Amino acid sequence: MSKRIEFFFDLSSPWTCLAFHNIRPIIQENDAQIIWRPILVGGIFNAVNKSVYAMREDLGGPKMRHYMKSLKDWSKWSGVEMNFPSAHHPLKSVLAMRVCCALEDNQPALEKFMEIAFADHFAHQVNLDDAEILAQSIAKAGFDAQDILQQTQSQEVKDRLRHNGEELISRGGYGSPSIFVDGDDMYFGNDQLPLIAAKLKA
């Protein structure tokens, strides 16, 4: 029986972008199933991880300097173009994450949109908070942008985004990406992917 992976994510996170690219070969190599779960990471921070805001305020501090070096090193190692930060950081991702929720029941479609949206935001520095620009990303992924954007205004999609975040918090998550193996074995961040790979092989 294949392992079941849940990947809770927000498109605004550069580490989540890297993890999105780096986890897929691991999934394929280990014949695992992955389920992409959209969240609004700002709501998670406000509820259980407010310390992240203090780090953002200390932009010139040693931790932030090393954070940026590590991000560049991981980007190079992963072969993922990362022009970060942009003028749109931190991204207000609520509309983009509602798009993800509108696509969540069609996992291949959601994965395709994630791939386009991550590249648009982190490689090309586009503002996914702008509905017109976001529509272009949706269209590039092969979907009817106006239909998807209309769905983002439905109560069902809004509730799904909120419920996903509440579920993540209830399971001990505190940011993006939060990754679960077979229900209750949680890992956090791109740098823990080798541990997930080892878990899948065990």
N, C-alpha and C. Protein backbone atom coordinates (compact mmCIF):
# COMPACT_ATOMS: atom_id res chain seq x y z
N MET A 1 0.85 -1.20 0.00
CA MET A 1 0.00 0.00 0.00
C MET A 1 0.88 1.25 0.00
N SER A 2 0.57 2.20 -0.88
CA SER A 2 1.38 3.41 -0.98
C SER A 2 1.16 4.33 0.21
N LYS A 3 2.19 5.07 0.56
CA LYS A 3 2.11 6.05 1.63
C LYS A 3 1.28 7.24 1.18
N ARG A 4 0.58 7.86 2.13
CA ARG A 4 -0.27 9.02 1.85
C ARG A 4 0.39 10.26 2.43
N ILE A 5 0.67 11.23 1.57
CA ILE A 5 1.31 12.49 1.96
C ILE A 5 0.31 13.62 1.82
N GLU A 6 0.19 14.45 2.85
CA GLU A 6 -0.60 15.69 2.76
C GLU A 6 0.36 16.87 2.85
N PHE A 7 0.22 17.78 1.90
CA PHE A 7 1.15 18.91 1.76
C PHE A 7 0.33 20.19 1.92
N PHE A 8 0.34 20.76 3.13
CA PHE A 8 -0.38 22.01 3.40
C PHE A 8 0.51 23.17 2.97
N PHE A 9 -0.03 24.07 2.15
CA PHE A 9 0.83 25.07 1.52
C PHE A 9 0.14 26.41 1.33
N ASP A 10 0.98 27.44 1.23
CA ASP A 10 0.57 28.78 0.82
C ASP A 10 1.54 29.21 -0.28
N LEU A 11 1.02 29.74 -1.37
CA LEU A 11 1.84 30.14 -2.52
C LEU A 11 2.80 31.28 -2.20
N SER A 12 2.61 31.96 -1.09
CA SER A 12 3.45 33.12 -0.77
C SER A 12 4.81 32.74 -0.21
N SER A 13 5.01 31.47 0.13
CA SER A 13 6.23 31.04 0.82
C SER A 13 7.30 30.57 -0.15
N PRO A 14 8.49 31.17 -0.13
CA PRO A 14 9.56 30.71 -1.03
C PRO A 14 10.02 29.29 -0.69
N TRP A 15 10.05 28.94 0.60
CA TRP A 15 10.46 27.60 0.99
C TRP A 15 9.44 26.57 0.52
N THR A 16 8.17 26.97 0.47
CA THR A 16 7.14 26.06 -0.02
C THR A 16 7.30 25.85 -1.51
N CYS A 17 7.68 26.89 -2.23
CA CYS A 17 7.97 26.75 -3.66
C CYS A 17 9.07 25.72 -3.88
N LEU A 18 10.15 25.81 -3.11
CA LEU A 18 11.24 24.85 -3.24
C LEU A 18 10.78 23.44 -2.87
N ALA A 19 10.02 23.33 -1.78
CA ALA A 19 9.55 22.02 -1.34
C ALA A 19 8.60 21.39 -2.36
N PHE A 20 7.79 22.22 -3.00
CA PHE A 20 6.88 21.73 -4.05
C PHE A 20 7.67 21.03 -5.15
N HIS A 21 8.76 21.64 -5.57
CA HIS A 21 9.58 21.04 -6.62
C HIS A 21 10.36 19.83 -6.11
N ASN A 22 10.87 19.91 -4.89
CA ASN A 22 11.76 18.87 -4.39
C ASN A 22 11.03 17.63 -3.88
N ILE A 23 9.77 17.77 -3.49
CA ILE A 23 9.07 16.60 -2.97
C ILE A 23 8.53 15.71 -4.08
N ARG A 24 8.30 16.26 -5.25
CA ARG A 24 7.66 15.45 -6.30
C ARG A 24 8.53 14.28 -6.77
N PRO A 25 9.85 14.46 -6.94
CA PRO A 25 10.66 13.28 -7.27
C PRO A 25 10.65 12.23 -6.15
N ILE A 26 10.60 12.69 -4.91
CA ILE A 26 10.56 11.77 -3.78
C ILE A 26 9.27 10.95 -3.82
N ILE A 27 8.17 11.60 -4.14
CA ILE A 27 6.88 10.92 -4.24
C ILE A 27 6.92 9.87 -5.34
N GLN A 28 7.47 10.25 -6.49
CA GLN A 28 7.53 9.32 -7.62
C GLN A 28 8.44 8.14 -7.33
N GLU A 29 9.58 8.40 -6.72
CA GLU A 29 10.55 7.34 -6.44
C GLU A 29 10.02 6.32 -5.44
N ASN A 30 9.10 6.75 -4.58
CA ASN A 30 8.62 5.88 -3.51
C ASN A 30 7.17 5.44 -3.70
N ASP A 31 6.63 5.71 -4.90
CA ASP A 31 5.26 5.30 -5.22
C ASP A 31 4.27 5.74 -4.14
N ALA A 32 4.40 7.00 -3.72
CA ALA A 32 3.53 7.55 -2.69
C ALA A 32 2.43 8.40 -3.34
N GLN A 33 1.39 8.65 -2.58
CA GLN A 33 0.29 9.51 -3.02
C GLN A 33 0.41 10.85 -2.31
N ILE A 34 0.31 11.95 -3.06
CA ILE A 34 0.37 13.27 -2.43
C ILE A 34 -0.94 14.01 -2.64
N ILE A 35 -1.37 14.68 -1.58
CA ILE A 35 -2.59 15.49 -1.62
C ILE A 35 -2.20 16.92 -1.26
N TRP A 36 -2.45 17.84 -2.17
CA TRP A 36 -2.13 19.25 -1.96
C TRP A 36 -3.28 19.91 -1.20
N ARG A 37 -2.96 20.61 -0.07
CA ARG A 37 -3.98 21.19 0.80
C ARG A 37 -3.72 22.70 0.96
N PRO A 38 -4.50 23.55 0.33
CA PRO A 38 -4.29 25.00 0.42
C PRO A 38 -4.65 25.54 1.81
N ILE A 39 -3.83 26.47 2.29
CA ILE A 39 -4.09 27.19 3.54
C ILE A 39 -3.74 28.66 3.34
N LEU A 40 -4.17 29.49 4.27
CA LEU A 40 -3.75 30.89 4.31
C LEU A 40 -2.77 31.03 5.46
N VAL A 41 -1.48 31.12 5.14
CA VAL A 41 -0.46 31.00 6.18
C VAL A 41 -0.49 32.18 7.14
N GLY A 42 -0.94 33.34 6.69
CA GLY A 42 -1.03 34.47 7.61
C GLY A 42 -1.96 34.19 8.77
N GLY A 43 -3.04 33.50 8.51
CA GLY A 43 -3.96 33.13 9.58
C GLY A 43 -3.33 32.15 10.54
N ILE A 44 -2.49 31.25 10.01
CA ILE A 44 -1.78 30.30 10.86
C ILE A 44 -0.80 31.04 11.77
N PHE A 45 -0.04 31.97 11.17
CA PHE A 45 0.91 32.76 11.97
C PHE A 45 0.19 33.51 13.09
N ASN A 46 -0.92 34.16 12.75
CA ASN A 46 -1.64 34.94 13.75
C ASN A 46 -2.15 34.08 14.90
N ALA A 47 -2.47 32.82 14.59
CA ALA A 47 -3.04 31.94 15.61
C ALA A 47 -1.98 31.26 16.47
N VAL A 48 -0.90 30.78 15.84
CA VAL A 48 0.02 29.92 16.61
C VAL A 48 1.50 30.19 16.36
N ASN A 49 1.85 31.20 15.54
CA ASN A 49 3.27 31.40 15.21
C ASN A 49 3.59 32.87 14.97
N LYS A 50 3.26 33.71 15.94
CA LYS A 50 3.46 35.14 15.78
C LYS A 50 4.94 35.54 15.78
N SER A 51 5.81 34.65 16.22
CA SER A 51 7.24 34.98 16.28
C SER A 51 7.83 35.24 14.90
N VAL A 52 7.17 34.76 13.84
CA VAL A 52 7.70 34.96 12.49
C VAL A 52 7.76 36.45 12.14
N TYR A 53 6.86 37.24 12.72
CA TYR A 53 6.83 38.67 12.41
C TYR A 53 8.05 39.39 12.97
N ALA A 54 8.53 38.94 14.13
CA ALA A 54 9.72 39.56 14.72
C ALA A 54 10.93 39.37 13.83
N MET A 55 11.07 38.19 13.24
CA MET A 55 12.21 37.94 12.36
C MET A 55 12.15 38.85 11.14
N ARG A 56 10.95 39.07 10.60
CA ARG A 56 10.81 39.94 9.43
C ARG A 56 11.20 41.37 9.73
N GLU A 57 11.03 41.80 10.98
CA GLU A 57 11.37 43.17 11.34
C GLU A 57 12.88 43.38 11.43
N ASP A 58 13.63 42.31 11.67
CA ASP A 58 15.08 42.41 11.83
C ASP A 58 15.75 42.02 10.51
N LEU A 59 15.50 42.81 9.46
CA LEU A 59 15.97 42.46 8.13
C LEU A 59 17.49 42.45 8.00
N GLY A 60 18.16 43.24 8.83
CA GLY A 60 19.63 43.31 8.74
C GLY A 60 20.35 42.40 9.71
N GLY A 61 19.59 41.62 10.49
CA GLY A 61 20.19 40.78 11.52
C GLY A 61 20.85 39.54 10.93
N PRO A 62 21.70 38.87 11.73
CA PRO A 62 22.42 37.70 11.23
C PRO A 62 21.50 36.56 10.82
N LYS A 63 20.40 36.37 11.53
CA LYS A 63 19.50 35.27 11.18
C LYS A 63 18.88 35.49 9.80
N MET A 64 18.45 36.74 9.53
CA MET A 64 17.84 37.02 8.23
C MET A 64 18.88 36.96 7.12
N ARG A 65 20.10 37.42 7.38
CA ARG A 65 21.15 37.34 6.36
C ARG A 65 21.43 35.88 5.99
N HIS A 66 21.51 35.02 6.99
CA HIS A 66 21.75 33.61 6.71
C HIS A 66 20.53 32.96 6.06
N TYR A 67 19.36 33.41 6.45
CA TYR A 67 18.11 32.93 5.82
C TYR A 67 18.17 33.16 4.31
N MET A 68 18.58 34.35 3.90
CA MET A 68 18.63 34.68 2.48
C MET A 68 19.73 33.88 1.77
N LYS A 69 20.86 33.70 2.42
CA LYS A 69 21.93 32.88 1.82
C LYS A 69 21.45 31.44 1.64
N SER A 70 20.81 30.91 2.67
CA SER A 70 20.33 29.53 2.60
C SER A 70 19.29 29.37 1.50
N LEU A 71 18.42 30.36 1.36
CA LEU A 71 17.41 30.30 0.31
C LEU A 71 18.06 30.26 -1.07
N LYS A 72 19.09 31.08 -1.28
CA LYS A 72 19.80 31.08 -2.56
C LYS A 72 20.52 29.76 -2.80
N ASP A 73 21.12 29.21 -1.75
CA ASP A 73 21.82 27.93 -1.88
C ASP A 73 20.85 26.81 -2.25
N TRP A 74 19.70 26.78 -1.58
CA TRP A 74 18.69 25.76 -1.88
C TRP A 74 18.11 25.94 -3.27
N SER A 75 17.93 27.18 -3.67
CA SER A 75 17.41 27.47 -5.01
C SER A 75 18.34 26.92 -6.08
N LYS A 76 19.64 27.19 -5.89
CA LYS A 76 20.63 26.69 -6.85
C LYS A 76 20.67 25.17 -6.85
N TRP A 77 20.69 24.58 -5.67
CA TRP A 77 20.76 23.12 -5.56
C TRP A 77 19.52 22.47 -6.19
N SER A 78 18.36 23.09 -6.03
CA SER A 78 17.11 22.54 -6.53
C SER A 78 16.88 22.79 -8.01
N GLY A 79 17.65 23.74 -8.59
CA GLY A 79 17.42 24.11 -9.98
C GLY A 79 16.14 24.87 -10.17
N VAL A 80 15.75 25.64 -9.15
CA VAL A 80 14.50 26.41 -9.18
C VAL A 80 14.86 27.90 -9.16
N GLU A 81 14.45 28.62 -10.20
CA GLU A 81 14.74 30.05 -10.26
C GLU A 81 13.99 30.77 -9.15
N MET A 82 14.72 31.59 -8.40
CA MET A 82 14.14 32.26 -7.25
C MET A 82 14.64 33.69 -7.19
N ASN A 83 13.85 34.63 -7.67
CA ASN A 83 14.19 36.05 -7.59
C ASN A 83 13.41 36.64 -6.41
N PHE A 84 14.01 36.55 -5.26
CA PHE A 84 13.33 36.86 -4.00
C PHE A 84 14.23 37.69 -3.11
N PRO A 85 13.70 38.67 -2.37
CA PRO A 85 12.29 39.06 -2.36
C PRO A 85 11.96 40.01 -3.51
N SER A 86 10.67 40.14 -3.78
CA SER A 86 10.20 41.08 -4.79
C SER A 86 9.49 42.24 -4.10
N ALA A 87 9.05 43.19 -4.89
CA ALA A 87 8.31 44.32 -4.33
C ALA A 87 6.97 43.90 -3.75
N HIS A 88 6.54 42.66 -4.04
CA HIS A 88 5.23 42.18 -3.59
C HIS A 88 5.33 41.28 -2.37
N HIS A 89 6.52 41.23 -1.75
CA HIS A 89 6.69 40.41 -0.54
C HIS A 89 6.51 41.26 0.70
N PRO A 90 5.79 40.76 1.72
CA PRO A 90 5.07 39.49 1.74
C PRO A 90 3.77 39.57 0.92
N LEU A 91 3.54 38.53 0.14
CA LEU A 91 2.39 38.50 -0.75
C LEU A 91 1.08 38.35 0.04
N LYS A 92 0.10 39.16 -0.30
CA LYS A 92 -1.26 38.95 0.21
C LYS A 92 -1.90 37.88 -0.67
N SER A 93 -1.94 36.67 -0.15
CA SER A 93 -2.23 35.52 -1.01
C SER A 93 -3.66 35.00 -0.92
N VAL A 94 -4.55 35.73 -0.26
CA VAL A 94 -5.89 35.17 -0.01
C VAL A 94 -6.61 34.82 -1.30
N LEU A 95 -6.56 35.67 -2.31
CA LEU A 95 -7.27 35.38 -3.56
C LEU A 95 -6.63 34.19 -4.27
N ALA A 96 -5.31 34.16 -4.33
CA ALA A 96 -4.62 33.05 -4.98
C ALA A 96 -4.90 31.74 -4.26
N MET A 97 -4.99 31.77 -2.93
CA MET A 97 -5.25 30.54 -2.19
C MET A 97 -6.71 30.11 -2.35
N ARG A 98 -7.60 31.05 -2.56
CA ARG A 98 -8.98 30.67 -2.88
C ARG A 98 -9.04 29.99 -4.25
N VAL A 99 -8.21 30.45 -5.19
CA VAL A 99 -8.11 29.76 -6.48
C VAL A 99 -7.69 28.31 -6.26
N CYS A 100 -6.70 28.12 -5.40
CA CYS A 100 -6.24 26.76 -5.10
C CYS A 100 -7.36 25.92 -4.49
N CYS A 101 -8.16 26.53 -3.62
CA CYS A 101 -9.28 25.79 -3.02
C CYS A 101 -10.33 25.45 -4.06
N ALA A 102 -10.54 26.35 -5.02
CA ALA A 102 -11.50 26.06 -6.09
C ALA A 102 -11.06 24.87 -6.94
N LEU A 103 -9.75 24.63 -6.98
CA LEU A 103 -9.19 23.53 -7.77
C LEU A 103 -8.88 22.29 -6.93
N GLU A 104 -9.05 22.37 -5.63
CA GLU A 104 -8.53 21.33 -4.73
C GLU A 104 -9.10 19.94 -5.02
N ASP A 105 -10.36 19.85 -5.41
CA ASP A 105 -10.95 18.54 -5.67
C ASP A 105 -10.40 17.90 -6.94
N ASN A 106 -9.76 18.70 -7.79
CA ASN A 106 -9.10 18.19 -9.00
C ASN A 106 -7.60 18.34 -8.77
N GLN A 107 -6.99 17.35 -8.14
CA GLN A 107 -5.60 17.47 -7.70
C GLN A 107 -4.60 17.69 -8.85
N PRO A 108 -4.73 17.01 -9.99
CA PRO A 108 -3.80 17.32 -11.09
C PRO A 108 -3.93 18.77 -11.57
N ALA A 109 -5.15 19.29 -11.59
CA ALA A 109 -5.35 20.68 -12.00
C ALA A 109 -4.71 21.63 -10.99
N LEU A 110 -4.88 21.34 -9.70
CA LEU A 110 -4.29 22.17 -8.66
C LEU A 110 -2.77 22.16 -8.76
N GLU A 111 -2.19 20.98 -8.97
CA GLU A 111 -0.73 20.89 -9.10
C GLU A 111 -0.22 21.69 -10.29
N LYS A 112 -0.96 21.65 -11.40
CA LYS A 112 -0.56 22.43 -12.58
C LYS A 112 -0.61 23.92 -12.29
N PHE A 113 -1.65 24.37 -11.62
CA PHE A 113 -1.74 25.79 -11.27
C PHE A 113 -0.63 26.18 -10.30
N MET A 114 -0.35 25.33 -9.32
CA MET A 114 0.73 25.62 -8.37
C MET A 114 2.05 25.83 -9.10
N GLU A 115 2.33 24.97 -10.06
CA GLU A 115 3.58 25.07 -10.82
C GLU A 115 3.68 26.42 -11.53
N ILE A 116 2.60 26.83 -12.19
CA ILE A 116 2.58 28.11 -12.90
C ILE A 116 2.66 29.27 -11.93
N ALA A 117 1.87 29.22 -10.86
CA ALA A 117 1.82 30.34 -9.91
C ALA A 117 3.14 30.53 -9.19
N PHE A 118 3.77 29.44 -8.77
CA PHE A 118 5.07 29.56 -8.12
C PHE A 118 6.10 30.19 -9.06
N ALA A 119 6.11 29.76 -10.31
CA ALA A 119 7.07 30.33 -11.27
C ALA A 119 6.77 31.80 -11.52
N ASP A 120 5.50 32.14 -11.67
CA ASP A 120 5.15 33.53 -11.93
C ASP A 120 5.58 34.43 -10.77
N HIS A 121 5.33 33.97 -9.56
CA HIS A 121 5.61 34.83 -8.41
C HIS A 121 7.09 34.87 -8.05
N PHE A 122 7.75 33.71 -8.02
CA PHE A 122 9.12 33.68 -7.52
C PHE A 122 10.18 33.83 -8.60
N ALA A 123 9.91 33.40 -9.82
CA ALA A 123 10.88 33.59 -10.89
C ALA A 123 10.67 34.93 -11.59
N HIS A 124 9.39 35.29 -11.81
CA HIS A 124 9.08 36.47 -12.62
C HIS A 124 8.55 37.65 -11.80
N GLN A 125 8.41 37.45 -10.49
CA GLN A 125 8.04 38.52 -9.55
C GLN A 125 6.71 39.18 -9.87
N VAL A 126 5.74 38.42 -10.35
CA VAL A 126 4.42 39.00 -10.59
C VAL A 126 3.63 39.01 -9.30
N ASN A 127 2.65 39.90 -9.23
CA ASN A 127 1.84 40.09 -8.03
C ASN A 127 0.57 39.25 -8.13
N LEU A 128 0.55 38.13 -7.46
CA LEU A 128 -0.62 37.25 -7.51
C LEU A 128 -1.79 37.79 -6.71
N ASP A 129 -1.61 38.91 -6.04
CA ASP A 129 -2.72 39.56 -5.35
C ASP A 129 -3.55 40.43 -6.29
N ASP A 130 -3.03 40.67 -7.49
CA ASP A 130 -3.73 41.45 -8.51
C ASP A 130 -4.60 40.49 -9.32
N ALA A 131 -5.92 40.70 -9.29
CA ALA A 131 -6.85 39.76 -9.92
C ALA A 131 -6.59 39.61 -11.41
N GLU A 132 -6.23 40.68 -12.10
CA GLU A 132 -5.99 40.60 -13.54
C GLU A 132 -4.73 39.77 -13.83
N ILE A 133 -3.70 39.96 -13.03
CA ILE A 133 -2.47 39.18 -13.21
C ILE A 133 -2.70 37.73 -12.82
N LEU A 134 -3.42 37.52 -11.72
CA LEU A 134 -3.75 36.17 -11.30
C LEU A 134 -4.54 35.44 -12.38
N ALA A 135 -5.43 36.16 -13.06
CA ALA A 135 -6.21 35.56 -14.15
C ALA A 135 -5.29 35.04 -15.25
N GLN A 136 -4.20 35.76 -15.50
CA GLN A 136 -3.25 35.31 -16.53
C GLN A 136 -2.57 34.02 -16.10
N SER A 137 -2.25 33.89 -14.81
CA SER A 137 -1.63 32.66 -14.32
C SER A 137 -2.61 31.50 -14.43
N ILE A 138 -3.87 31.74 -14.12
CA ILE A 138 -4.90 30.70 -14.22
C ILE A 138 -5.03 30.25 -15.67
N ALA A 139 -5.06 31.21 -16.58
CA ALA A 139 -5.20 30.88 -18.01
C ALA A 139 -3.99 30.11 -18.52
N LYS A 140 -2.79 30.49 -18.07
CA LYS A 140 -1.58 29.76 -18.49
C LYS A 140 -1.60 28.31 -18.03
N ALA A 141 -2.30 28.06 -16.92
CA ALA A 141 -2.43 26.70 -16.42
C ALA A 141 -3.49 25.91 -17.18
N GLY A 142 -4.23 26.61 -18.06
CA GLY A 142 -5.18 25.93 -18.93
C GLY A 142 -6.62 25.96 -18.46
N PHE A 143 -6.96 26.90 -17.58
CA PHE A 143 -8.31 26.94 -17.03
C PHE A 143 -9.02 28.24 -17.38
N ASP A 144 -10.33 28.24 -17.26
CA ASP A 144 -11.16 29.42 -17.51
C ASP A 144 -10.99 30.37 -16.33
N ALA A 145 -10.24 31.43 -16.53
CA ALA A 145 -9.89 32.32 -15.43
C ALA A 145 -11.10 32.97 -14.81
N GLN A 146 -12.03 33.44 -15.63
CA GLN A 146 -13.20 34.13 -15.08
C GLN A 146 -14.07 33.18 -14.27
N ASP A 147 -14.19 31.94 -14.73
CA ASP A 147 -14.98 30.96 -13.98
C ASP A 147 -14.33 30.67 -12.64
N ILE A 148 -13.01 30.46 -12.65
CA ILE A 148 -12.32 30.16 -11.39
C ILE A 148 -12.39 31.34 -10.43
N LEU A 149 -12.17 32.55 -10.95
CA LEU A 149 -12.22 33.73 -10.08
C LEU A 149 -13.62 33.94 -9.52
N GLN A 150 -14.64 33.61 -10.29
CA GLN A 150 -16.00 33.70 -9.78
C GLN A 150 -16.22 32.71 -8.64
N GLN A 151 -15.64 31.53 -8.78
CA GLN A 151 -15.76 30.53 -7.72
C GLN A 151 -15.10 30.99 -6.43
N THR A 152 -14.04 31.80 -6.54
CA THR A 152 -13.33 32.26 -5.33
C THR A 152 -14.21 33.13 -4.45
N GLN A 153 -15.30 33.65 -5.00
CA GLN A 153 -16.20 34.51 -4.22
C GLN A 153 -17.31 33.72 -3.54
N SER A 154 -17.35 32.43 -3.78
CA SER A 154 -18.40 31.60 -3.18
C SER A 154 -18.09 31.31 -1.72
N GLN A 155 -19.13 31.15 -0.93
CA GLN A 155 -18.94 30.84 0.48
C GLN A 155 -18.30 29.48 0.67
N GLU A 156 -18.58 28.56 -0.23
CA GLU A 156 -18.00 27.22 -0.15
C GLU A 156 -16.48 27.26 -0.22
N VAL A 157 -15.95 28.05 -1.17
CA VAL A 157 -14.50 28.14 -1.32
C VAL A 157 -13.88 28.88 -0.14
N LYS A 158 -14.52 29.96 0.30
CA LYS A 158 -14.01 30.70 1.46
C LYS A 158 -13.97 29.82 2.70
N ASP A 159 -15.03 29.03 2.89
CA ASP A 159 -15.09 28.15 4.05
C ASP A 159 -14.03 27.06 3.97
N ARG A 160 -13.78 26.56 2.77
CA ARG A 160 -12.78 25.50 2.62
C ARG A 160 -11.40 26.01 3.01
N LEU A 161 -11.06 27.22 2.60
CA LEU A 161 -9.75 27.77 2.95
C LEU A 161 -9.63 27.92 4.46
N ARG A 162 -10.68 28.40 5.09
CA ARG A 162 -10.65 28.56 6.54
C ARG A 162 -10.57 27.20 7.24
N HIS A 163 -11.37 26.25 6.78
CA HIS A 163 -11.38 24.93 7.42
C HIS A 163 -10.04 24.22 7.28
N ASN A 164 -9.39 24.37 6.12
CA ASN A 164 -8.07 23.75 5.94
C ASN A 164 -7.08 24.29 6.95
N GLY A 165 -7.12 25.61 7.17
CA GLY A 165 -6.22 26.21 8.15
C GLY A 165 -6.52 25.75 9.56
N GLU A 166 -7.80 25.68 9.90
CA GLU A 166 -8.19 25.21 11.23
C GLU A 166 -7.77 23.76 11.44
N GLU A 167 -7.91 22.96 10.40
CA GLU A 167 -7.49 21.56 10.50
C GLU A 167 -5.99 21.46 10.74
N LEU A 168 -5.20 22.25 10.00
CA LEU A 168 -3.75 22.20 10.16
C LEU A 168 -3.36 22.56 11.59
N ILE A 169 -3.94 23.62 12.13
CA ILE A 169 -3.63 24.03 13.50
C ILE A 169 -4.00 22.92 14.48
N SER A 170 -5.16 22.30 14.28
CA SER A 170 -5.61 21.23 15.19
C SER A 170 -4.68 20.03 15.15
N ARG A 171 -3.94 19.87 14.06
CA ARG A 171 -3.02 18.73 13.92
C ARG A 171 -1.59 19.10 14.29
N GLY A 172 -1.39 20.31 14.80
CA GLY A 172 -0.08 20.72 15.29
C GLY A 172 0.74 21.52 14.31
N GLY A 173 0.19 21.89 13.16
CA GLY A 173 0.93 22.66 12.17
C GLY A 173 1.03 24.12 12.55
N TYR A 174 2.05 24.78 11.99
CA TYR A 174 2.27 26.19 12.34
C TYR A 174 2.80 27.02 11.18
N GLY A 175 2.83 26.48 9.97
CA GLY A 175 3.33 27.26 8.84
C GLY A 175 3.26 26.47 7.56
N SER A 176 3.96 26.99 6.54
CA SER A 176 3.95 26.39 5.20
C SER A 176 5.37 26.17 4.71
N PRO A 177 5.68 24.96 4.22
CA PRO A 177 4.78 23.82 4.08
C PRO A 177 4.79 22.93 5.31
N SER A 178 3.61 22.49 5.70
CA SER A 178 3.46 21.46 6.72
C SER A 178 3.08 20.18 6.01
N ILE A 179 3.81 19.12 6.28
CA ILE A 179 3.68 17.88 5.50
C ILE A 179 3.44 16.72 6.46
N PHE A 180 2.40 15.93 6.18
CA PHE A 180 2.05 14.79 7.01
C PHE A 180 2.20 13.51 6.22
N VAL A 181 2.81 12.50 6.87
CA VAL A 181 2.93 11.17 6.28
C VAL A 181 1.97 10.25 7.03
N ASP A 182 1.04 9.68 6.27
CA ASP A 182 0.07 8.74 6.84
C ASP A 182 -0.66 9.30 8.06
N GLY A 183 -1.07 10.54 7.95
CA GLY A 183 -2.01 11.09 8.93
C GLY A 183 -1.42 11.91 10.05
N ASP A 184 -0.49 11.35 10.84
CA ASP A 184 -0.09 12.06 12.06
C ASP A 184 1.42 12.30 12.18
N ASP A 185 2.20 11.88 11.22
CA ASP A 185 3.65 12.07 11.27
C ASP A 185 4.00 13.35 10.53
N MET A 186 4.21 14.45 11.27
CA MET A 186 4.35 15.78 10.67
C MET A 186 5.81 16.16 10.45
N TYR A 187 6.05 16.82 9.32
CA TYR A 187 7.34 17.41 8.99
C TYR A 187 7.10 18.84 8.54
N PHE A 188 8.09 19.70 8.75
CA PHE A 188 7.91 21.10 8.38
C PHE A 188 9.10 21.58 7.56
N GLY A 189 8.80 22.14 6.39
CA GLY A 189 9.82 22.83 5.62
C GLY A 189 10.54 21.99 4.60
N ASN A 190 11.14 22.67 3.66
CA ASN A 190 11.89 22.04 2.58
C ASN A 190 13.06 21.21 3.10
N ASP A 191 13.70 21.68 4.17
CA ASP A 191 14.92 21.00 4.64
C ASP A 191 14.63 19.66 5.31
N GLN A 192 13.37 19.36 5.59
CA GLN A 192 13.05 18.06 6.20
C GLN A 192 12.64 17.01 5.17
N LEU A 193 12.71 17.35 3.89
CA LEU A 193 12.35 16.39 2.87
C LEU A 193 13.21 15.13 2.90
N PRO A 194 14.52 15.21 3.20
CA PRO A 194 15.29 13.96 3.30
C PRO A 194 14.74 13.02 4.38
N LEU A 195 14.18 13.59 5.45
CA LEU A 195 13.58 12.75 6.49
C LEU A 195 12.32 12.07 5.98
N ILE A 196 11.56 12.79 5.15
CA ILE A 196 10.37 12.19 4.56
C ILE A 196 10.76 11.07 3.61
N ALA A 197 11.80 11.31 2.82
CA ALA A 197 12.28 10.27 1.90
C ALA A 197 12.70 9.02 2.67
N ALA A 198 13.39 9.21 3.79
CA ALA A 198 13.81 8.07 4.59
C ALA A 198 12.61 7.35 5.20
N LYS A 199 11.61 8.13 5.61
CA LYS A 199 10.39 7.53 6.17
C LYS A 199 9.68 6.68 5.12
N LEU A 200 9.61 7.17 3.90
CA LEU A 200 8.92 6.45 2.84
C LEU A 200 9.65 5.16 2.47
N LYS A 201 10.96 5.18 2.60
CA LYS A 201 11.75 3.99 2.24
C LYS A 201 11.76 2.95 3.37
N ALA A 202 11.45 3.40 4.59
CA ALA A 202 11.54 2.49 5.75
C ALA A 202 10.49 1.39 5.65
